[in-house]
Amino acid sequence: MMEAFFGGFGRRLLTASEEAGQFTFLIRSTFLWMIRAKIEWRQTLLQMGRIGVESFPVTAMTSFFTGMVLALQTGATSKHFFNVPLFVGTVVSFSIVMSWGP
């Protein structure tokens, strides 16, 4: 009974220690390669363009649909309270611009 308990406990402890050691080696290797590695500027610029510029259509479409849902919800709410949805465009544009920021 005690042997099974301590055997299982020891096995889990050794497994956790091994995983922590592997994680430590991964972090160490990451930082060493960040310092030693040569930066391939051509590939870096290509990836920056691919991540930034080429993802604009997806970002624009997501913002468009988010704006439509927000306008629908804001219009229904403001019409309920104020009887006229006057500031729906202002609220939607302000919300989308605020969501783009950090």
PDB file of N, CA and C in Angstrom:
ATOM      1  N   MET A   1       0.820  -1.200   0.000  1.00  0.00           N
ATOM      2  CA  MET A   1       0.000   0.000   0.000  1.00  0.00           C
ATOM      3  C   MET A   1       0.862   1.262   0.000  1.00  0.00           C
ATOM      4  N   MET A   2       1.780   1.354   0.936  1.00  0.00           N
ATOM      5  CA  MET A   2       2.652   2.531   1.005  1.00  0.00           C
ATOM      6  C   MET A   2       3.611   2.570  -0.182  1.00  0.00           C
ATOM      7  N   GLU A   3       4.055   1.361  -0.597  1.00  0.00           N
ATOM      8  CA  GLU A   3       4.971   1.301  -1.726  1.00  0.00           C
ATOM      9  C   GLU A   3       4.301   1.794  -3.004  1.00  0.00           C
ATOM     10  N   ALA A   4       3.042   1.432  -3.200  1.00  0.00           N
ATOM     11  CA  ALA A   4       2.311   1.874  -4.377  1.00  0.00           C
ATOM     12  C   ALA A   4       2.098   3.392  -4.338  1.00  0.00           C
ATOM     13  N   PHE A   5       1.790   3.908  -3.160  1.00  0.00           N
ATOM     14  CA  PHE A   5       1.574   5.352  -3.020  1.00  0.00           C
ATOM     15  C   PHE A   5       2.851   6.124  -3.336  1.00  0.00           C
ATOM     16  N   PHE A   6       3.955   5.727  -2.684  1.00  0.00           N
ATOM     17  CA  PHE A   6       5.208   6.444  -2.901  1.00  0.00           C
ATOM     18  C   PHE A   6       5.772   6.192  -4.292  1.00  0.00           C
ATOM     19  N   GLY A   7       5.514   4.997  -4.853  1.00  0.00           N
ATOM     20  CA  GLY A   7       5.947   4.714  -6.220  1.00  0.00           C
ATOM     21  C   GLY A   7       5.244   5.619  -7.215  1.00  0.00           C
ATOM     22  N   GLY A   8       3.933   5.760  -7.063  1.00  0.00           N
ATOM     23  CA  GLY A   8       3.175   6.652  -7.947  1.00  0.00           C
ATOM     24  C   GLY A   8       3.566   8.103  -7.768  1.00  0.00           C
ATOM     25  N   PHE A   9       3.774   8.496  -6.509  1.00  0.00           N
ATOM     26  CA  PHE A   9       4.176   9.870  -6.215  1.00  0.00           C
ATOM     27  C   PHE A   9       5.548  10.169  -6.809  1.00  0.00           C
ATOM     28  N   GLY A  10       6.472   9.229  -6.643  1.00  0.00           N
ATOM     29  CA  GLY A  10       7.817   9.406  -7.185  1.00  0.00           C
ATOM     30  C   GLY A  10       7.816   9.455  -8.701  1.00  0.00           C
ATOM     31  N   ARG A  11       6.994   8.616  -9.324  1.00  0.00           N
ATOM     32  CA  ARG A  11       6.898   8.599 -10.782  1.00  0.00           C
ATOM     33  C   ARG A  11       6.393   9.945 -11.298  1.00  0.00           C
ATOM     34  N   ARG A  12       5.367  10.469 -10.656  1.00  0.00           N
ATOM     35  CA  ARG A  12       4.830  11.776 -11.074  1.00  0.00           C
ATOM     36  C   ARG A  12       5.841  12.893 -10.827  1.00  0.00           C
ATOM     37  N   LEU A  13       6.570  12.788  -9.723  1.00  0.00           N
ATOM     38  CA  LEU A  13       7.574  13.802  -9.411  1.00  0.00           C
ATOM     39  C   LEU A  13       8.705  13.774 -10.432  1.00  0.00           C
ATOM     40  N   LEU A  14       9.159  12.574 -10.804  1.00  0.00           N
ATOM     41  CA  LEU A  14      10.207  12.465 -11.808  1.00  0.00           C
ATOM     42  C   LEU A  14       9.737  12.957 -13.173  1.00  0.00           C
ATOM     43  N   THR A  15       8.502  12.661 -13.539  1.00  0.00           N
ATOM     44  CA  THR A  15       7.959  13.132 -14.812  1.00  0.00           C
ATOM     45  C   THR A  15       7.874  14.655 -14.833  1.00  0.00           C
ATOM     46  N   ALA A  16       7.398  15.244 -13.737  1.00  0.00           N
ATOM     47  CA  ALA A  16       7.308  16.704 -13.660  1.00  0.00           C
ATOM     48  C   ALA A  16       8.685  17.342 -13.711  1.00  0.00           C
ATOM     49  N   SER A  17       9.663  16.734 -13.050  1.00  0.00           N
ATOM     50  CA  SER A  17      11.025  17.274 -13.067  1.00  0.00           C
ATOM     51  C   SER A  17      11.624  17.193 -14.467  1.00  0.00           C
ATOM     52  N   GLU A  18      11.380  16.086 -15.158  1.00  0.00           N
ATOM     53  CA  GLU A  18      11.890  15.936 -16.520  1.00  0.00           C
ATOM     54  C   GLU A  18      11.270  16.975 -17.451  1.00  0.00           C
ATOM     55  N   GLU A  19       9.968  17.196 -17.329  1.00  0.00           N
ATOM     56  CA  GLU A  19       9.302  18.201 -18.174  1.00  0.00           C
ATOM     57  C   GLU A  19       9.809  19.610 -17.866  1.00  0.00           C
ATOM     58  N   ALA A  20      10.027  19.909 -16.577  1.00  0.00           N
ATOM     59  CA  ALA A  20      10.559  21.224 -16.214  1.00  0.00           C
ATOM     60  C   ALA A  20      11.964  21.417 -16.782  1.00  0.00           C
ATOM     61  N   GLY A  21      12.780  20.348 -16.760  1.00  0.00           N
ATOM     62  CA  GLY A  21      14.121  20.427 -17.340  1.00  0.00           C
ATOM     63  C   GLY A  21      14.082  20.651 -18.838  1.00  0.00           C
ATOM     64  N   GLN A  22      13.188  19.942 -19.529  1.00  0.00           N
ATOM     65  CA  GLN A  22      13.063  20.135 -20.974  1.00  0.00           C
ATOM     66  C   GLN A  22      12.600  21.556 -21.300  1.00  0.00           C
ATOM     67  N   PHE A  23      11.684  22.088 -20.497  1.00  0.00           N
ATOM     68  CA  PHE A  23      11.214  23.455 -20.710  1.00  0.00           C
ATOM     69  C   PHE A  23      12.358  24.448 -20.492  1.00  0.00           C
ATOM     70  N   THR A  24      13.181  24.199 -19.481  1.00  0.00           N
ATOM     71  CA  THR A  24      14.320  25.074 -19.211  1.00  0.00           C
ATOM     72  C   THR A  24      15.299  25.053 -20.379  1.00  0.00           C
ATOM     73  N   PHE A  25      15.571  23.863 -20.928  1.00  0.00           N
ATOM     74  CA  PHE A  25      16.452  23.778 -22.090  1.00  0.00           C
ATOM     75  C   PHE A  25      15.853  24.494 -23.300  1.00  0.00           C
ATOM     76  N   LEU A  26      14.556  24.415 -23.470  1.00  0.00           N
ATOM     77  CA  LEU A  26      13.900  25.109 -24.580  1.00  0.00           C
ATOM     78  C   LEU A  26      14.063  26.619 -24.451  1.00  0.00           C
ATOM     79  N   ILE A  27      13.827  27.155 -23.254  1.00  0.00           N
ATOM     80  CA  ILE A  27      13.972  28.600 -23.024  1.00  0.00           C
ATOM     81  C   ILE A  27      15.426  29.025 -23.246  1.00  0.00           C
ATOM     82  N   ARG A  28      16.367  28.238 -22.729  1.00  0.00           N
ATOM     83  CA  ARG A  28      17.791  28.537 -22.897  1.00  0.00           C
ATOM     84  C   ARG A  28      18.162  28.552 -24.376  1.00  0.00           C
ATOM     85  N   SER A  29      17.739  27.544 -25.102  1.00  0.00           N
ATOM     86  CA  SER A  29      18.042  27.464 -26.530  1.00  0.00           C
ATOM     87  C   SER A  29      17.421  28.633 -27.291  1.00  0.00           C
ATOM     88  N   THR A  30      16.211  29.004 -26.916  1.00  0.00           N
ATOM     89  CA  THR A  30      15.543  30.131 -27.579  1.00  0.00           C
ATOM     90  C   THR A  30      16.337  31.418 -27.408  1.00  0.00           C
ATOM     91  N   PHE A  31      16.748  31.704 -26.182  1.00  0.00           N
ATOM     92  CA  PHE A  31      17.489  32.942 -25.943  1.00  0.00           C
ATOM     93  C   PHE A  31      18.870  32.911 -26.593  1.00  0.00           C
ATOM     94  N   LEU A  32      19.526  31.753 -26.600  1.00  0.00           N
ATOM     95  CA  LEU A  32      20.828  31.672 -27.258  1.00  0.00           C
ATOM     96  C   LEU A  32      20.701  31.912 -28.757  1.00  0.00           C
ATOM     97  N   TRP A  33      19.684  31.360 -29.397  1.00  0.00           N
ATOM     98  CA  TRP A  33      19.526  31.563 -30.832  1.00  0.00           C
ATOM     99  C   TRP A  33      19.080  32.982 -31.143  1.00  0.00           C
ATOM    100  N   MET A  34      18.390  33.626 -30.217  1.00  0.00           N
ATOM    101  CA  MET A  34      18.023  35.029 -30.453  1.00  0.00           C
ATOM    102  C   MET A  34      19.272  35.902 -30.501  1.00  0.00           C
ATOM    103  N   ILE A  35      20.273  35.533 -29.732  1.00  0.00           N
ATOM    104  CA  ILE A  35      21.510  36.325 -29.677  1.00  0.00           C
ATOM    105  C   ILE A  35      22.453  35.940 -30.815  1.00  0.00           C
ATOM    106  N   ARG A  36      22.623  34.627 -31.072  1.00  0.00           N
ATOM    107  CA  ARG A  36      23.621  34.151 -32.017  1.00  0.00           C
ATOM    108  C   ARG A  36      23.163  34.109 -33.465  1.00  0.00           C
ATOM    109  N   ALA A  37      21.879  34.010 -33.684  1.00  0.00           N
ATOM    110  CA  ALA A  37      21.384  33.759 -35.040  1.00  0.00           C
ATOM    111  C   ALA A  37      21.569  34.973 -35.944  1.00  0.00           C
ATOM    112  N   LYS A  38      21.828  34.675 -37.198  1.00  0.00           N
ATOM    113  CA  LYS A  38      21.937  35.724 -38.207  1.00  0.00           C
ATOM    114  C   LYS A  38      20.528  36.016 -38.726  1.00  0.00           C
ATOM    115  N   ILE A  39      20.175  37.277 -38.767  1.00  0.00           N
ATOM    116  CA  ILE A  39      18.843  37.663 -39.227  1.00  0.00           C
ATOM    117  C   ILE A  39      18.843  37.698 -40.750  1.00  0.00           C
ATOM    118  N   GLU A  40      17.910  36.996 -41.345  1.00  0.00           N
ATOM    119  CA  GLU A  40      17.761  37.017 -42.792  1.00  0.00           C
ATOM    120  C   GLU A  40      16.772  38.138 -43.137  1.00  0.00           C
ATOM    121  N   TRP A  41      17.315  39.281 -43.505  1.00  0.00           N
ATOM    122  CA  TRP A  41      16.499  40.473 -43.687  1.00  0.00           C
ATOM    123  C   TRP A  41      15.496  40.319 -44.823  1.00  0.00           C
ATOM    124  N   ARG A  42      15.876  39.624 -45.872  1.00  0.00           N
ATOM    125  CA  ARG A  42      14.946  39.449 -46.994  1.00  0.00           C
ATOM    126  C   ARG A  42      13.720  38.661 -46.546  1.00  0.00           C
ATOM    127  N   GLN A  43      13.950  37.562 -45.848  1.00  0.00           N
ATOM    128  CA  GLN A  43      12.833  36.753 -45.356  1.00  0.00           C
ATOM    129  C   GLN A  43      12.023  37.504 -44.300  1.00  0.00           C
ATOM    130  N   THR A  44      12.707  38.278 -43.468  1.00  0.00           N
ATOM    131  CA  THR A  44      12.000  39.056 -42.443  1.00  0.00           C
ATOM    132  C   THR A  44      11.050  40.052 -43.085  1.00  0.00           C
ATOM    133  N   LEU A  45      11.518  40.753 -44.108  1.00  0.00           N
ATOM    134  CA  LEU A  45      10.665  41.730 -44.790  1.00  0.00           C
ATOM    135  C   LEU A  45       9.524  41.052 -45.544  1.00  0.00           C
ATOM    136  N   LEU A  46       9.800  39.902 -46.156  1.00  0.00           N
ATOM    137  CA  LEU A  46       8.732  39.164 -46.833  1.00  0.00           C
ATOM    138  C   LEU A  46       7.640  38.740 -45.845  1.00  0.00           C
ATOM    139  N   GLN A  47       8.062  38.242 -44.704  1.00  0.00           N
ATOM    140  CA  GLN A  47       7.085  37.810 -43.696  1.00  0.00           C
ATOM    141  C   GLN A  47       6.324  38.994 -43.106  1.00  0.00           C
ATOM    142  N   MET A  48       6.993  40.129 -42.949  1.00  0.00           N
ATOM    143  CA  MET A  48       6.299  41.314 -42.453  1.00  0.00           C
ATOM    144  C   MET A  48       5.224  41.753 -43.437  1.00  0.00           C
ATOM    145  N   GLY A  49       5.540  41.705 -44.723  1.00  0.00           N
ATOM    146  CA  GLY A  49       4.547  42.050 -45.741  1.00  0.00           C
ATOM    147  C   GLY A  49       3.409  41.064 -45.767  1.00  0.00           C
ATOM    148  N   ARG A  50       3.735  39.798 -45.633  1.00  0.00           N
ATOM    149  CA  ARG A  50       2.702  38.767 -45.674  1.00  0.00           C
ATOM    150  C   ARG A  50       1.777  38.865 -44.453  1.00  0.00           C
ATOM    151  N   ILE A  51       2.362  39.113 -43.293  1.00  0.00           N
ATOM    152  CA  ILE A  51       1.555  39.192 -42.074  1.00  0.00           C
ATOM    153  C   ILE A  51       0.763  40.495 -42.028  1.00  0.00           C
ATOM    154  N   GLY A  52       1.387  41.607 -42.448  1.00  0.00           N
ATOM    155  CA  GLY A  52       0.732  42.901 -42.328  1.00  0.00           C
ATOM    156  C   GLY A  52      -0.156  43.262 -43.494  1.00  0.00           C
ATOM    157  N   VAL A  53       0.427  43.381 -44.667  1.00  0.00           N
ATOM    158  CA  VAL A  53      -0.294  43.899 -45.825  1.00  0.00           C
ATOM    159  C   VAL A  53      -1.272  42.878 -46.388  1.00  0.00           C
ATOM    160  N   GLU A  54      -0.832  41.639 -46.521  1.00  0.00           N
ATOM    161  CA  GLU A  54      -1.683  40.639 -47.158  1.00  0.00           C
ATOM    162  C   GLU A  54      -2.822  40.160 -46.266  1.00  0.00           C
ATOM    163  N   SER A  55      -2.768  40.482 -44.975  1.00  0.00           N
ATOM    164  CA  SER A  55      -3.878  40.101 -44.097  1.00  0.00           C
ATOM    165  C   SER A  55      -4.927  41.207 -43.993  1.00  0.00           C
ATOM    166  N   PHE A  56      -4.723  42.314 -44.712  1.00  0.00           N
ATOM    167  CA  PHE A  56      -5.681  43.420 -44.648  1.00  0.00           C
ATOM    168  C   PHE A  56      -7.092  43.039 -45.097  1.00  0.00           C
ATOM    169  N   PRO A  57      -7.274  42.274 -46.180  1.00  0.00           N
ATOM    170  CA  PRO A  57      -8.652  41.923 -46.560  1.00  0.00           C
ATOM    171  C   PRO A  57      -9.410  41.167 -45.470  1.00  0.00           C
ATOM    172  N   VAL A  58      -8.740  40.272 -44.796  1.00  0.00           N
ATOM    173  CA  VAL A  58      -9.396  39.528 -43.709  1.00  0.00           C
ATOM    174  C   VAL A  58      -9.742  40.475 -42.561  1.00  0.00           C
ATOM    175  N   THR A  59      -8.816  41.362 -42.233  1.00  0.00           N
ATOM    176  CA  THR A  59      -9.057  42.330 -41.158  1.00  0.00           C
ATOM    177  C   THR A  59     -10.202  43.273 -41.522  1.00  0.00           C
ATOM    178  N   ALA A  60     -10.236  43.730 -42.759  1.00  0.00           N
ATOM    179  CA  ALA A  60     -11.304  44.638 -43.204  1.00  0.00           C
ATOM    180  C   ALA A  60     -12.659  43.945 -43.178  1.00  0.00           C
ATOM    181  N   MET A  61     -12.708  42.703 -43.631  1.00  0.00           N
ATOM    182  CA  MET A  61     -13.973  41.965 -43.635  1.00  0.00           C
ATOM    183  C   MET A  61     -14.464  41.733 -42.199  1.00  0.00           C
ATOM    184  N   THR A  62     -13.553  41.375 -41.306  1.00  0.00           N
ATOM    185  CA  THR A  62     -13.928  41.172 -39.909  1.00  0.00           C
ATOM    186  C   THR A  62     -14.450  42.460 -39.290  1.00  0.00           C
ATOM    187  N   SER A  63     -13.777  43.573 -39.559  1.00  0.00           N
ATOM    188  CA  SER A  63     -14.234  44.869 -39.040  1.00  0.00           C
ATOM    189  C   SER A  63     -15.588  45.255 -39.615  1.00  0.00           C
ATOM    190  N   PHE A  64     -15.801  44.956 -40.892  1.00  0.00           N
ATOM    191  CA  PHE A  64     -17.068  45.272 -41.538  1.00  0.00           C
ATOM    192  C   PHE A  64     -18.219  44.523 -40.868  1.00  0.00           C
ATOM    193  N   PHE A  65     -18.057  43.217 -40.676  1.00  0.00           N
ATOM    194  CA  PHE A  65     -19.130  42.442 -40.064  1.00  0.00           C
ATOM    195  C   PHE A  65     -19.310  42.791 -38.589  1.00  0.00           C
ATOM    196  N   THR A  66     -18.216  43.087 -37.892  1.00  0.00           N
ATOM    197  CA  THR A  66     -18.335  43.526 -36.500  1.00  0.00           C
ATOM    198  C   THR A  66     -19.090  44.840 -36.425  1.00  0.00           C
ATOM    199  N   GLY A  67     -18.799  45.748 -37.355  1.00  0.00           N
ATOM    200  CA  GLY A  67     -19.513  47.025 -37.405  1.00  0.00           C
ATOM    201  C   GLY A  67     -20.992  46.849 -37.691  1.00  0.00           C
ATOM    202  N   MET A  68     -21.324  45.904 -38.577  1.00  0.00           N
ATOM    203  CA  MET A  68     -22.744  45.669 -38.876  1.00  0.00           C
ATOM    204  C   MET A  68     -23.484  45.152 -37.642  1.00  0.00           C
ATOM    205  N   VAL A  69     -22.884  44.215 -36.942  1.00  0.00           N
ATOM    206  CA  VAL A  69     -23.533  43.670 -35.737  1.00  0.00           C
ATOM    207  C   VAL A  69     -23.642  44.752 -34.673  1.00  0.00           C
ATOM    208  N   LEU A  70     -22.568  45.527 -34.502  1.00  0.00           N
ATOM    209  CA  LEU A  70     -22.591  46.593 -33.505  1.00  0.00           C
ATOM    210  C   LEU A  70     -23.628  47.655 -33.858  1.00  0.00           C
ATOM    211  N   ALA A  71     -23.764  47.987 -35.144  1.00  0.00           N
ATOM    212  CA  ALA A  71     -24.773  48.967 -35.565  1.00  0.00           C
ATOM    213  C   ALA A  71     -26.179  48.441 -35.303  1.00  0.00           C
ATOM    214  N   LEU A  72     -26.373  47.170 -35.584  1.00  0.00           N
ATOM    215  CA  LEU A  72     -27.686  46.579 -35.339  1.00  0.00           C
ATOM    216  C   LEU A  72     -28.038  46.616 -33.857  1.00  0.00           C
ATOM    217  N   GLN A  73     -27.097  46.233 -33.020  1.00  0.00           N
ATOM    218  CA  GLN A  73     -27.363  46.218 -31.584  1.00  0.00           C
ATOM    219  C   GLN A  73     -27.488  47.625 -31.013  1.00  0.00           C
ATOM    220  N   THR A  74     -26.618  48.534 -31.444  1.00  0.00           N
ATOM    221  CA  THR A  74     -26.679  49.910 -30.945  1.00  0.00           C
ATOM    222  C   THR A  74     -27.940  50.617 -31.423  1.00  0.00           C
ATOM    223  N   GLY A  75     -28.312  50.396 -32.689  1.00  0.00           N
ATOM    224  CA  GLY A  75     -29.515  51.025 -33.228  1.00  0.00           C
ATOM    225  C   GLY A  75     -30.761  50.574 -32.490  1.00  0.00           C
ATOM    226  N   ALA A  76     -30.854  49.293 -32.200  1.00  0.00           N
ATOM    227  CA  ALA A  76     -32.024  48.782 -31.475  1.00  0.00           C
ATOM    228  C   ALA A  76     -32.071  49.348 -30.064  1.00  0.00           C
ATOM    229  N   THR A  77     -30.914  49.439 -29.413  1.00  0.00           N
ATOM    230  CA  THR A  77     -30.877  49.941 -28.040  1.00  0.00           C
ATOM    231  C   THR A  77     -31.172  51.429 -27.984  1.00  0.00           C
ATOM    232  N   SER A  78     -30.512  52.215 -28.875  1.00  0.00           N
ATOM    233  CA  SER A  78     -30.721  53.660 -28.810  1.00  0.00           C
ATOM    234  C   SER A  78     -32.127  54.037 -29.268  1.00  0.00           C
ATOM    235  N   LYS A  79     -32.716  53.285 -30.177  1.00  0.00           N
ATOM    236  CA  LYS A  79     -34.084  53.556 -30.591  1.00  0.00           C
ATOM    237  C   LYS A  79     -35.042  53.305 -29.436  1.00  0.00           C
ATOM    238  N   HIS A  80     -34.707  52.307 -28.645  1.00  0.00           N
ATOM    239  CA  HIS A  80     -35.537  51.991 -27.487  1.00  0.00           C
ATOM    240  C   HIS A  80     -35.495  53.109 -26.449  1.00  0.00           C
ATOM    241  N   PHE A  81     -34.283  53.672 -26.250  1.00  0.00           N
ATOM    242  CA  PHE A  81     -34.140  54.698 -25.217  1.00  0.00           C
ATOM    243  C   PHE A  81     -34.473  56.096 -25.716  1.00  0.00           C
ATOM    244  N   PHE A  82     -34.001  56.453 -26.903  1.00  0.00           N
ATOM    245  CA  PHE A  82     -34.115  57.825 -27.392  1.00  0.00           C
ATOM    246  C   PHE A  82     -35.142  58.008 -28.499  1.00  0.00           C
ATOM    247  N   ASN A  83     -35.726  56.944 -28.981  1.00  0.00           N
ATOM    248  CA  ASN A  83     -36.745  56.945 -30.014  1.00  0.00           C
ATOM    249  C   ASN A  83     -36.190  57.229 -31.405  1.00  0.00           C
ATOM    250  N   VAL A  84     -34.899  57.583 -31.537  1.00  0.00           N
ATOM    251  CA  VAL A  84     -34.282  57.808 -32.837  1.00  0.00           C
ATOM    252  C   VAL A  84     -32.813  57.356 -32.760  1.00  0.00           C
ATOM    253  N   PRO A  85     -32.362  56.478 -33.669  1.00  0.00           N
ATOM    254  CA  PRO A  85     -30.942  56.063 -33.644  1.00  0.00           C
ATOM    255  C   PRO A  85     -30.048  57.073 -34.354  1.00  0.00           C
ATOM    256  N   LEU A  86     -29.793  58.205 -33.722  1.00  0.00           N
ATOM    257  CA  LEU A  86     -29.021  59.275 -34.361  1.00  0.00           C
ATOM    258  C   LEU A  86     -27.524  59.001 -34.408  1.00  0.00           C
ATOM    259  N   PHE A  87     -26.993  58.436 -33.362  1.00  0.00           N
ATOM    260  CA  PHE A  87     -25.544  58.356 -33.217  1.00  0.00           C
ATOM    261  C   PHE A  87     -24.996  56.955 -33.460  1.00  0.00           C
ATOM    262  N   VAL A  88     -25.666  56.161 -34.253  1.00  0.00           N
ATOM    263  CA  VAL A  88     -25.218  54.792 -34.502  1.00  0.00           C
ATOM    264  C   VAL A  88     -23.873  54.786 -35.222  1.00  0.00           C
ATOM    265  N   GLY A  89     -23.718  55.584 -36.260  1.00  0.00           N
ATOM    266  CA  GLY A  89     -22.458  55.630 -37.003  1.00  0.00           C
ATOM    267  C   GLY A  89     -21.301  56.081 -36.142  1.00  0.00           C
ATOM    268  N   THR A  90     -21.545  57.072 -35.296  1.00  0.00           N
ATOM    269  CA  THR A  90     -20.496  57.562 -34.407  1.00  0.00           C
ATOM    270  C   THR A  90     -20.075  56.489 -33.423  1.00  0.00           C
ATOM    271  N   VAL A  91     -21.041  55.805 -32.842  1.00  0.00           N
ATOM    272  CA  VAL A  91     -20.735  54.756 -31.869  1.00  0.00           C
ATOM    273  C   VAL A  91     -19.981  53.609 -32.526  1.00  0.00           C
ATOM    274  N   VAL A  92     -20.405  53.197 -33.699  1.00  0.00           N
ATOM    275  CA  VAL A  92     -19.754  52.083 -34.398  1.00  0.00           C
ATOM    276  C   VAL A  92     -18.337  52.457 -34.796  1.00  0.00           C
ATOM    277  N   SER A  93     -18.152  53.624 -35.404  1.00  0.00           N
ATOM    278  CA  SER A  93     -16.804  54.012 -35.846  1.00  0.00           C
ATOM    279  C   SER A  93     -15.870  54.184 -34.651  1.00  0.00           C
ATOM    280  N   PHE A  94     -16.360  54.782 -33.583  1.00  0.00           N
ATOM    281  CA  PHE A  94     -15.543  54.962 -32.391  1.00  0.00           C
ATOM    282  C   PHE A  94     -15.169  53.611 -31.789  1.00  0.00           C
ATOM    283  N   SER A  95     -16.091  52.683 -31.735  1.00  0.00           N
ATOM    284  CA  SER A  95     -15.810  51.358 -31.172  1.00  0.00           C
ATOM    285  C   SER A  95     -14.802  50.597 -31.997  1.00  0.00           C
ATOM    286  N   ILE A  96     -14.916  50.654 -33.313  1.00  0.00           N
ATOM    287  CA  ILE A  96     -13.976  49.924 -34.172  1.00  0.00           C
ATOM    288  C   ILE A  96     -12.587  50.538 -34.100  1.00  0.00           C
ATOM    289  N   VAL A  97     -12.509  51.856 -34.099  1.00  0.00           N
ATOM    290  CA  VAL A  97     -11.195  52.501 -33.997  1.00  0.00           C
ATOM    291  C   VAL A  97     -10.557  52.205 -32.641  1.00  0.00           C
ATOM    292  N   MET A  98     -11.342  52.189 -31.593  1.00  0.00           N
ATOM    293  CA  MET A  98     -10.807  51.864 -30.256  1.00  0.00           C
ATOM    294  C   MET A  98     -10.351  50.415 -30.185  1.00  0.00           C
ATOM    295  N   SER A  99     -11.005  49.511 -30.899  1.00  0.00           N
ATOM    296  CA  SER A  99     -10.589  48.107 -30.862  1.00  0.00           C
ATOM    297  C   SER A  99      -9.301  47.883 -31.642  1.00  0.00           C
ATOM    298  N   TRP A 100      -8.959  48.753 -32.577  1.00  0.00           N
ATOM    299  CA  TRP A 100      -7.709  48.626 -33.322  1.00  0.00           C
ATOM    300  C   TRP A 100      -6.505  49.026 -32.498  1.00  0.00           C
ATOM    301  N   GLY A 101      -6.714  49.869 -31.517  1.00  0.00           N
ATOM    302  CA  GLY A 101      -5.602  50.385 -30.712  1.00  0.00           C
ATOM    303  C   GLY A 101      -5.049  49.331 -29.763  1.00  0.00           C
ATOM    304  N   PRO A 102      -3.962  49.670 -29.104  1.00  0.00           N
ATOM    305  CA  PRO A 102      -3.345  48.702 -28.166  1.00  0.00           C
ATOM    306  C   PRO A 102      -4.149  48.508 -26.918  1.00  0.00           C
TER     307      PRO A 102
END
